[in-house]
């Protein structure tokens, strides 16, 4: 079970993560020693973050070499609040693109759009990134930004 610190209780943070429809910002190490960051849609379930991406995406290669990650989920508009942390990633095939379908529902309300037409095409291989957090930190600037 991860360690929670910061402004919110684990229950408050879980409620935020289950409702948030901003991407997770995910940082990892590249095999050449550099750093990489990207944004992905996510679902938060049973204390883990689940993301979908193409099996041939660069991030898959990077995470296969080193599954250590840092991440942040935060509001894009004031007052700023969110969750950040670190953990490890495992990669699983998702041949039926079940998670990707779920994420289209969560973020866009369905699959009736051109992005879904492109990503849900038959023959495109999809994987599931399962992020198991080890440390989590929450912050909420609502009080000090109430006039913003």
N, C-alpha and C. Protein backbone atom coordinates (compact mmCIF):
# COMPACT_ATOMS: atom_id res chain seq x y z
N UNK A 1 0.84 -1.18 0.00
CA UNK A 1 0.00 0.00 0.00
C UNK A 1 0.89 1.24 0.00
N UNK A 2 0.59 2.20 -0.87
CA UNK A 2 1.44 3.39 -0.93
C UNK A 2 1.29 4.28 0.29
N UNK A 3 2.28 5.10 0.49
CA UNK A 3 2.27 6.10 1.56
C UNK A 3 1.64 7.38 1.02
N UNK A 4 0.62 7.90 1.71
CA UNK A 4 -0.03 9.16 1.34
C UNK A 4 0.45 10.27 2.28
N UNK A 5 0.81 11.41 1.70
CA UNK A 5 1.14 12.59 2.49
C UNK A 5 0.50 13.80 1.82
N UNK A 6 0.37 14.87 2.57
CA UNK A 6 -0.10 16.12 1.98
C UNK A 6 -1.44 16.59 2.51
N UNK A 7 -2.12 17.37 1.68
CA UNK A 7 -3.33 18.09 2.07
C UNK A 7 -4.56 17.21 2.26
N UNK A 8 -4.63 16.07 1.57
CA UNK A 8 -5.83 15.26 1.58
C UNK A 8 -5.62 13.92 2.24
N UNK A 9 -6.69 13.37 2.72
CA UNK A 9 -6.67 11.98 3.19
C UNK A 9 -6.65 11.06 1.98
N UNK A 10 -6.38 9.79 2.20
CA UNK A 10 -6.39 8.82 1.10
C UNK A 10 -7.77 8.78 0.45
N UNK A 11 -8.84 8.89 1.24
CA UNK A 11 -10.20 8.86 0.69
C UNK A 11 -10.46 10.09 -0.18
N UNK A 12 -10.01 11.27 0.26
CA UNK A 12 -10.20 12.49 -0.53
C UNK A 12 -9.40 12.42 -1.83
N UNK A 13 -8.18 11.92 -1.75
CA UNK A 13 -7.35 11.79 -2.94
C UNK A 13 -7.95 10.79 -3.92
N UNK A 14 -8.44 9.68 -3.40
CA UNK A 14 -9.07 8.68 -4.26
C UNK A 14 -10.27 9.26 -4.98
N UNK A 15 -11.10 10.02 -4.28
CA UNK A 15 -12.26 10.65 -4.91
C UNK A 15 -11.82 11.61 -6.02
N UNK A 16 -10.78 12.39 -5.77
CA UNK A 16 -10.26 13.31 -6.79
C UNK A 16 -9.79 12.52 -8.02
N UNK A 17 -9.00 11.46 -7.80
CA UNK A 17 -8.45 10.70 -8.91
C UNK A 17 -9.52 9.97 -9.71
N UNK A 18 -10.56 9.53 -9.05
CA UNK A 18 -11.65 8.85 -9.76
C UNK A 18 -12.47 9.81 -10.59
N UNK A 19 -12.51 11.09 -10.20
CA UNK A 19 -13.30 12.10 -10.92
C UNK A 19 -12.49 12.90 -11.94
N UNK A 20 -11.19 13.01 -11.76
CA UNK A 20 -10.35 13.88 -12.60
C UNK A 20 -10.33 13.39 -14.05
N UNK A 21 -10.53 14.31 -14.96
CA UNK A 21 -10.41 13.97 -16.39
C UNK A 21 -9.33 14.83 -17.04
N UNK A 22 -8.26 15.02 -16.32
CA UNK A 22 -7.04 15.59 -16.88
C UNK A 22 -6.09 14.42 -17.08
N UNK A 23 -5.14 14.53 -18.00
CA UNK A 23 -4.20 13.43 -18.19
C UNK A 23 -3.23 13.29 -17.01
N UNK A 24 -2.68 12.11 -16.89
CA UNK A 24 -1.56 11.89 -15.97
C UNK A 24 -0.30 12.29 -16.73
N UNK A 25 0.56 13.03 -16.07
CA UNK A 25 1.86 13.38 -16.64
C UNK A 25 2.84 12.36 -16.08
N UNK A 26 3.46 11.59 -16.97
CA UNK A 26 4.27 10.46 -16.59
C UNK A 26 5.71 10.70 -17.01
N UNK A 27 6.64 10.58 -16.07
CA UNK A 27 8.07 10.76 -16.35
C UNK A 27 8.80 9.45 -16.12
N UNK A 28 9.76 9.17 -17.01
CA UNK A 28 10.54 7.94 -16.89
C UNK A 28 11.96 8.18 -17.40
N UNK A 29 12.78 7.16 -17.27
CA UNK A 29 14.15 7.20 -17.79
C UNK A 29 14.19 6.58 -19.17
N UNK A 30 14.99 7.16 -20.05
CA UNK A 30 15.23 6.58 -21.36
C UNK A 30 16.47 5.69 -21.27
N UNK A 31 16.57 4.67 -22.10
CA UNK A 31 17.73 3.77 -22.03
C UNK A 31 19.07 4.48 -22.23
N UNK A 32 19.08 5.64 -22.91
CA UNK A 32 20.34 6.36 -23.13
C UNK A 32 20.73 7.24 -21.94
N UNK A 33 19.94 7.19 -20.86
CA UNK A 33 20.25 7.97 -19.67
C UNK A 33 19.48 9.26 -19.56
N UNK A 34 18.76 9.65 -20.60
CA UNK A 34 17.97 10.86 -20.55
C UNK A 34 16.63 10.63 -19.87
N UNK A 35 15.89 11.70 -19.72
CA UNK A 35 14.56 11.64 -19.12
C UNK A 35 13.50 11.81 -20.20
N UNK A 36 12.30 11.32 -19.94
CA UNK A 36 11.18 11.43 -20.86
C UNK A 36 9.91 11.72 -20.07
N UNK A 37 9.06 12.56 -20.62
CA UNK A 37 7.78 12.84 -19.97
C UNK A 37 6.71 12.89 -21.05
N UNK A 38 5.54 12.38 -20.71
CA UNK A 38 4.41 12.44 -21.61
C UNK A 38 3.13 12.46 -20.82
N UNK A 39 2.05 12.81 -21.49
CA UNK A 39 0.73 12.84 -20.87
C UNK A 39 -0.11 11.72 -21.47
N UNK A 40 -0.84 11.02 -20.60
CA UNK A 40 -1.70 9.93 -21.03
C UNK A 40 -3.02 10.00 -20.28
N UNK A 41 -4.08 9.53 -20.92
CA UNK A 41 -5.33 9.34 -20.20
C UNK A 41 -5.14 8.23 -19.19
N UNK A 42 -5.88 8.29 -18.10
CA UNK A 42 -5.73 7.26 -17.07
C UNK A 42 -7.07 6.96 -16.42
N UNK A 43 -7.11 5.81 -15.79
CA UNK A 43 -8.19 5.44 -14.86
C UNK A 43 -7.51 5.06 -13.56
N UNK A 44 -8.10 5.40 -12.46
CA UNK A 44 -7.57 5.04 -11.14
C UNK A 44 -8.48 3.99 -10.53
N UNK A 45 -7.92 2.80 -10.31
CA UNK A 45 -8.71 1.69 -9.79
C UNK A 45 -7.89 0.87 -8.82
N UNK A 46 -8.48 0.57 -7.69
CA UNK A 46 -7.85 -0.32 -6.71
C UNK A 46 -6.42 0.13 -6.36
N UNK A 47 -6.23 1.45 -6.24
CA UNK A 47 -4.94 1.99 -5.84
C UNK A 47 -3.89 2.02 -6.94
N UNK A 48 -4.28 1.78 -8.18
CA UNK A 48 -3.34 1.80 -9.29
C UNK A 48 -3.85 2.72 -10.40
N UNK A 49 -2.91 3.23 -11.18
CA UNK A 49 -3.24 4.03 -12.36
C UNK A 49 -3.12 3.12 -13.58
N UNK A 50 -4.11 3.18 -14.45
CA UNK A 50 -4.11 2.38 -15.67
C UNK A 50 -4.12 3.33 -16.86
N UNK A 51 -3.17 3.13 -17.78
CA UNK A 51 -3.07 3.95 -18.99
C UNK A 51 -3.02 3.02 -20.19
N UNK A 52 -3.45 3.51 -21.33
CA UNK A 52 -3.39 2.75 -22.58
C UNK A 52 -2.48 3.47 -23.55
N UNK A 53 -1.73 2.70 -24.33
CA UNK A 53 -0.92 3.27 -25.39
C UNK A 53 -0.64 2.20 -26.43
N UNK A 54 -0.19 2.63 -27.59
CA UNK A 54 0.15 1.69 -28.65
C UNK A 54 1.34 0.84 -28.26
N UNK A 55 1.32 -0.43 -28.65
CA UNK A 55 2.39 -1.35 -28.29
C UNK A 55 3.73 -0.91 -28.88
N UNK A 56 3.71 -0.13 -29.96
CA UNK A 56 4.95 0.30 -30.60
C UNK A 56 5.38 1.71 -30.17
N UNK A 57 4.73 2.28 -29.17
CA UNK A 57 5.09 3.63 -28.69
C UNK A 57 6.46 3.60 -28.02
N UNK A 58 7.21 4.68 -28.17
CA UNK A 58 8.54 4.78 -27.55
C UNK A 58 8.49 4.53 -26.05
N UNK A 59 7.44 5.02 -25.39
CA UNK A 59 7.35 4.88 -23.93
C UNK A 59 7.37 3.41 -23.51
N UNK A 60 6.84 2.52 -24.33
CA UNK A 60 6.84 1.10 -24.00
C UNK A 60 8.27 0.58 -23.96
N UNK A 61 9.07 0.95 -24.92
CA UNK A 61 10.49 0.56 -24.93
C UNK A 61 11.20 1.10 -23.70
N UNK A 62 10.95 2.34 -23.36
CA UNK A 62 11.62 2.96 -22.21
C UNK A 62 11.23 2.25 -20.91
N UNK A 63 9.95 1.96 -20.77
CA UNK A 63 9.47 1.33 -19.53
C UNK A 63 9.88 -0.14 -19.44
N UNK A 64 10.06 -0.80 -20.56
CA UNK A 64 10.57 -2.17 -20.53
C UNK A 64 12.01 -2.19 -20.01
N UNK A 65 12.77 -1.14 -20.31
CA UNK A 65 14.15 -1.05 -19.85
C UNK A 65 14.24 -0.65 -18.39
N UNK A 66 13.33 0.21 -17.94
CA UNK A 66 13.32 0.70 -16.55
C UNK A 66 11.89 1.11 -16.21
N UNK A 67 11.24 0.36 -15.35
CA UNK A 67 9.85 0.61 -15.02
C UNK A 67 9.62 1.64 -13.93
N UNK A 68 10.66 2.34 -13.49
CA UNK A 68 10.51 3.38 -12.47
C UNK A 68 9.93 4.64 -13.09
N UNK A 69 8.93 5.23 -12.45
CA UNK A 69 8.28 6.43 -12.97
C UNK A 69 7.98 7.42 -11.86
N UNK A 70 7.79 8.66 -12.27
CA UNK A 70 7.20 9.70 -11.43
C UNK A 70 5.98 10.19 -12.20
N UNK A 71 5.00 10.77 -11.50
CA UNK A 71 3.78 11.17 -12.17
C UNK A 71 3.12 12.32 -11.43
N UNK A 72 2.21 12.99 -12.16
CA UNK A 72 1.41 14.05 -11.57
C UNK A 72 0.07 14.10 -12.26
N UNK A 73 -0.97 14.25 -11.47
CA UNK A 73 -2.32 14.52 -11.94
C UNK A 73 -2.73 15.80 -11.24
N UNK A 74 -2.99 16.86 -12.02
CA UNK A 74 -3.33 18.13 -11.38
C UNK A 74 -4.24 18.94 -12.28
N UNK A 75 -5.01 19.82 -11.64
CA UNK A 75 -5.90 20.72 -12.36
C UNK A 75 -5.08 21.68 -13.21
N UNK A 76 -5.62 22.00 -14.38
CA UNK A 76 -4.93 22.93 -15.27
C UNK A 76 -5.28 24.38 -15.00
N UNK A 77 -6.31 24.62 -14.21
CA UNK A 77 -6.77 25.98 -13.92
C UNK A 77 -6.78 26.20 -12.41
N UNK A 78 -6.56 27.46 -11.98
CA UNK A 78 -6.61 27.75 -10.54
C UNK A 78 -8.00 27.49 -9.98
N UNK A 79 -8.10 27.16 -8.73
CA UNK A 79 -6.99 26.96 -7.79
C UNK A 79 -6.37 25.58 -8.01
N UNK A 80 -5.06 25.55 -8.03
CA UNK A 80 -4.35 24.33 -8.36
C UNK A 80 -4.43 23.32 -7.22
N UNK A 81 -4.58 22.06 -7.61
CA UNK A 81 -4.62 20.96 -6.64
C UNK A 81 -4.33 19.69 -7.41
N UNK A 82 -3.90 18.65 -6.69
CA UNK A 82 -3.63 17.41 -7.39
C UNK A 82 -2.87 16.40 -6.56
N UNK A 83 -2.36 15.42 -7.28
CA UNK A 83 -1.63 14.29 -6.70
C UNK A 83 -0.37 14.07 -7.52
N UNK A 84 0.75 13.88 -6.84
CA UNK A 84 1.99 13.50 -7.53
C UNK A 84 2.60 12.35 -6.77
N UNK A 85 3.50 11.65 -7.43
CA UNK A 85 4.13 10.53 -6.75
C UNK A 85 5.12 9.80 -7.62
N UNK A 86 5.48 8.62 -7.15
CA UNK A 86 6.45 7.76 -7.84
C UNK A 86 6.02 6.32 -7.65
N UNK A 87 6.45 5.48 -8.59
CA UNK A 87 6.12 4.07 -8.50
C UNK A 87 6.77 3.29 -9.61
N UNK A 88 6.20 2.12 -9.89
CA UNK A 88 6.73 1.26 -10.94
C UNK A 88 5.59 0.86 -11.89
N UNK A 89 5.99 0.57 -13.12
CA UNK A 89 5.03 0.24 -14.17
C UNK A 89 5.22 -1.20 -14.63
N UNK A 90 4.11 -1.87 -14.86
CA UNK A 90 4.13 -3.14 -15.58
C UNK A 90 3.34 -2.95 -16.87
N UNK A 91 3.69 -3.72 -17.87
CA UNK A 91 3.08 -3.58 -19.20
C UNK A 91 2.37 -4.88 -19.53
N UNK A 92 1.11 -4.77 -19.96
CA UNK A 92 0.30 -5.94 -20.28
C UNK A 92 -0.35 -5.73 -21.65
N UNK A 93 -0.46 -6.77 -22.45
CA UNK A 93 -1.18 -6.62 -23.72
C UNK A 93 -2.66 -6.36 -23.46
N UNK A 94 -3.29 -5.62 -24.35
CA UNK A 94 -4.73 -5.37 -24.29
C UNK A 94 -5.30 -5.57 -25.69
N UNK A 95 -5.35 -6.84 -26.14
CA UNK A 95 -5.71 -7.13 -27.54
C UNK A 95 -7.10 -6.64 -27.94
N UNK A 96 -8.02 -6.57 -27.01
CA UNK A 96 -9.38 -6.12 -27.33
C UNK A 96 -9.54 -4.61 -27.11
N UNK A 97 -8.46 -3.96 -26.68
CA UNK A 97 -8.47 -2.51 -26.44
C UNK A 97 -9.55 -2.11 -25.42
N UNK A 98 -9.76 -2.97 -24.44
CA UNK A 98 -10.80 -2.72 -23.44
C UNK A 98 -10.54 -1.45 -22.65
N UNK A 99 -9.29 -1.26 -22.21
CA UNK A 99 -8.98 -0.06 -21.44
C UNK A 99 -9.12 1.18 -22.30
N UNK A 100 -8.66 1.12 -23.53
CA UNK A 100 -8.77 2.28 -24.41
C UNK A 100 -10.24 2.66 -24.62
N UNK A 101 -11.12 1.68 -24.81
CA UNK A 101 -12.55 1.97 -24.91
C UNK A 101 -13.04 2.67 -23.64
N UNK A 102 -12.64 2.15 -22.49
CA UNK A 102 -13.04 2.75 -21.21
C UNK A 102 -12.55 4.19 -21.10
N UNK A 103 -11.34 4.44 -21.55
CA UNK A 103 -10.78 5.80 -21.46
C UNK A 103 -11.48 6.76 -22.42
N UNK A 104 -11.88 6.28 -23.60
CA UNK A 104 -12.67 7.13 -24.50
C UNK A 104 -13.99 7.53 -23.84
N UNK A 105 -14.63 6.61 -23.16
CA UNK A 105 -15.86 6.93 -22.43
C UNK A 105 -15.59 7.97 -21.35
N UNK A 106 -14.54 7.77 -20.60
CA UNK A 106 -14.20 8.64 -19.47
C UNK A 106 -13.86 10.06 -19.92
N UNK A 107 -13.05 10.18 -20.96
CA UNK A 107 -12.54 11.50 -21.36
C UNK A 107 -13.39 12.20 -22.43
N UNK A 108 -13.99 11.43 -23.35
CA UNK A 108 -14.71 12.04 -24.46
C UNK A 108 -16.17 11.65 -24.53
N UNK A 109 -16.62 10.82 -23.59
CA UNK A 109 -18.02 10.44 -23.57
C UNK A 109 -18.39 9.38 -24.58
N UNK A 110 -17.42 8.76 -25.22
CA UNK A 110 -17.71 7.69 -26.17
C UNK A 110 -16.67 7.61 -27.27
N UNK A 111 -16.98 6.77 -28.24
CA UNK A 111 -16.03 6.50 -29.32
C UNK A 111 -16.49 7.06 -30.66
N UNK A 112 -17.47 7.92 -30.65
CA UNK A 112 -17.98 8.51 -31.88
C UNK A 112 -17.19 9.77 -32.21
N UNK A 113 -15.91 9.57 -32.58
CA UNK A 113 -15.04 10.69 -32.91
C UNK A 113 -13.88 10.20 -33.77
N UNK A 114 -13.19 11.12 -34.41
CA UNK A 114 -12.12 10.75 -35.34
C UNK A 114 -10.91 10.14 -34.63
N UNK A 115 -10.64 10.55 -33.40
CA UNK A 115 -9.52 9.95 -32.67
C UNK A 115 -9.78 8.47 -32.40
N UNK A 116 -10.98 8.14 -31.99
CA UNK A 116 -11.34 6.73 -31.76
C UNK A 116 -11.25 5.96 -33.07
N UNK A 117 -11.70 6.57 -34.16
CA UNK A 117 -11.61 5.90 -35.47
C UNK A 117 -10.16 5.53 -35.79
N UNK A 118 -9.24 6.40 -35.42
CA UNK A 118 -7.82 6.17 -35.71
C UNK A 118 -7.20 5.15 -34.75
N UNK A 119 -7.51 5.25 -33.44
CA UNK A 119 -6.84 4.40 -32.45
C UNK A 119 -7.48 3.03 -32.27
N UNK A 120 -8.74 2.90 -32.58
CA UNK A 120 -9.43 1.62 -32.38
C UNK A 120 -9.45 0.75 -33.64
N UNK A 121 -8.66 1.12 -34.62
CA UNK A 121 -8.62 0.38 -35.88
C UNK A 121 -8.13 -1.06 -35.64
N UNK A 122 -8.74 -1.99 -36.36
CA UNK A 122 -8.34 -3.39 -36.25
C UNK A 122 -6.89 -3.54 -36.69
N UNK A 123 -6.15 -4.35 -35.98
CA UNK A 123 -4.76 -4.58 -36.31
C UNK A 123 -3.78 -3.72 -35.51
N UNK A 124 -4.26 -2.62 -34.95
CA UNK A 124 -3.39 -1.79 -34.10
C UNK A 124 -3.25 -2.47 -32.75
N UNK A 125 -2.02 -2.69 -32.32
CA UNK A 125 -1.77 -3.37 -31.05
C UNK A 125 -1.71 -2.35 -29.91
N UNK A 126 -2.40 -2.68 -28.85
CA UNK A 126 -2.53 -1.79 -27.69
C UNK A 126 -2.00 -2.49 -26.45
N UNK A 127 -1.40 -1.72 -25.54
CA UNK A 127 -0.96 -2.26 -24.26
C UNK A 127 -1.55 -1.41 -23.14
N UNK A 128 -1.56 -2.02 -21.97
CA UNK A 128 -2.03 -1.39 -20.75
C UNK A 128 -0.81 -1.15 -19.88
N UNK A 129 -0.64 0.09 -19.41
CA UNK A 129 0.41 0.42 -18.45
C UNK A 129 -0.25 0.44 -17.07
N UNK A 130 0.25 -0.39 -16.19
CA UNK A 130 -0.29 -0.47 -14.83
C UNK A 130 0.76 0.17 -13.90
N UNK A 131 0.42 1.33 -13.35
CA UNK A 131 1.33 2.06 -12.48
C UNK A 131 0.97 1.76 -11.04
N UNK A 132 1.88 1.14 -10.34
CA UNK A 132 1.69 0.85 -8.92
C UNK A 132 2.45 1.90 -8.12
N UNK A 133 1.72 2.84 -7.51
CA UNK A 133 2.40 3.91 -6.77
C UNK A 133 3.03 3.39 -5.47
N UNK A 134 4.18 3.97 -5.16
CA UNK A 134 4.85 3.67 -3.89
C UNK A 134 4.72 4.83 -2.93
N UNK A 135 4.76 6.05 -3.46
CA UNK A 135 4.61 7.26 -2.66
C UNK A 135 3.65 8.19 -3.38
N UNK A 136 2.79 8.83 -2.61
CA UNK A 136 1.82 9.78 -3.16
C UNK A 136 1.79 11.02 -2.28
N UNK A 137 1.72 12.18 -2.93
CA UNK A 137 1.66 13.45 -2.21
C UNK A 137 0.54 14.27 -2.82
N UNK A 138 -0.31 14.84 -1.98
CA UNK A 138 -1.42 15.66 -2.46
C UNK A 138 -1.20 17.12 -2.07
N UNK A 139 -1.73 18.01 -2.89
CA UNK A 139 -1.71 19.42 -2.54
C UNK A 139 -3.01 20.06 -3.02
N UNK A 140 -3.39 21.13 -2.35
CA UNK A 140 -4.62 21.84 -2.67
C UNK A 140 -4.42 23.31 -2.30
N UNK A 141 -4.32 24.16 -3.31
CA UNK A 141 -4.11 25.58 -3.09
C UNK A 141 -5.42 26.36 -3.09
N UNK A 142 -6.54 25.68 -2.91
CA UNK A 142 -7.85 26.34 -2.96
C UNK A 142 -7.96 27.48 -1.96
N UNK A 143 -7.50 27.27 -0.76
CA UNK A 143 -7.62 28.30 0.28
C UNK A 143 -6.77 29.53 -0.05
N UNK A 144 -5.54 29.32 -0.42
CA UNK A 144 -4.68 30.49 -0.66
C UNK A 144 -4.91 31.12 -2.01
N UNK A 145 -5.67 30.45 -2.90
CA UNK A 145 -5.97 31.02 -4.21
C UNK A 145 -7.47 31.34 -4.34
N UNK A 146 -8.16 31.46 -3.23
CA UNK A 146 -9.62 31.66 -3.30
C UNK A 146 -10.02 32.94 -4.01
N UNK A 147 -9.13 33.93 -4.11
CA UNK A 147 -9.46 35.18 -4.77
C UNK A 147 -9.05 35.17 -6.25
N UNK A 148 -8.45 34.09 -6.69
CA UNK A 148 -7.96 34.03 -8.09
C UNK A 148 -9.08 33.65 -9.03
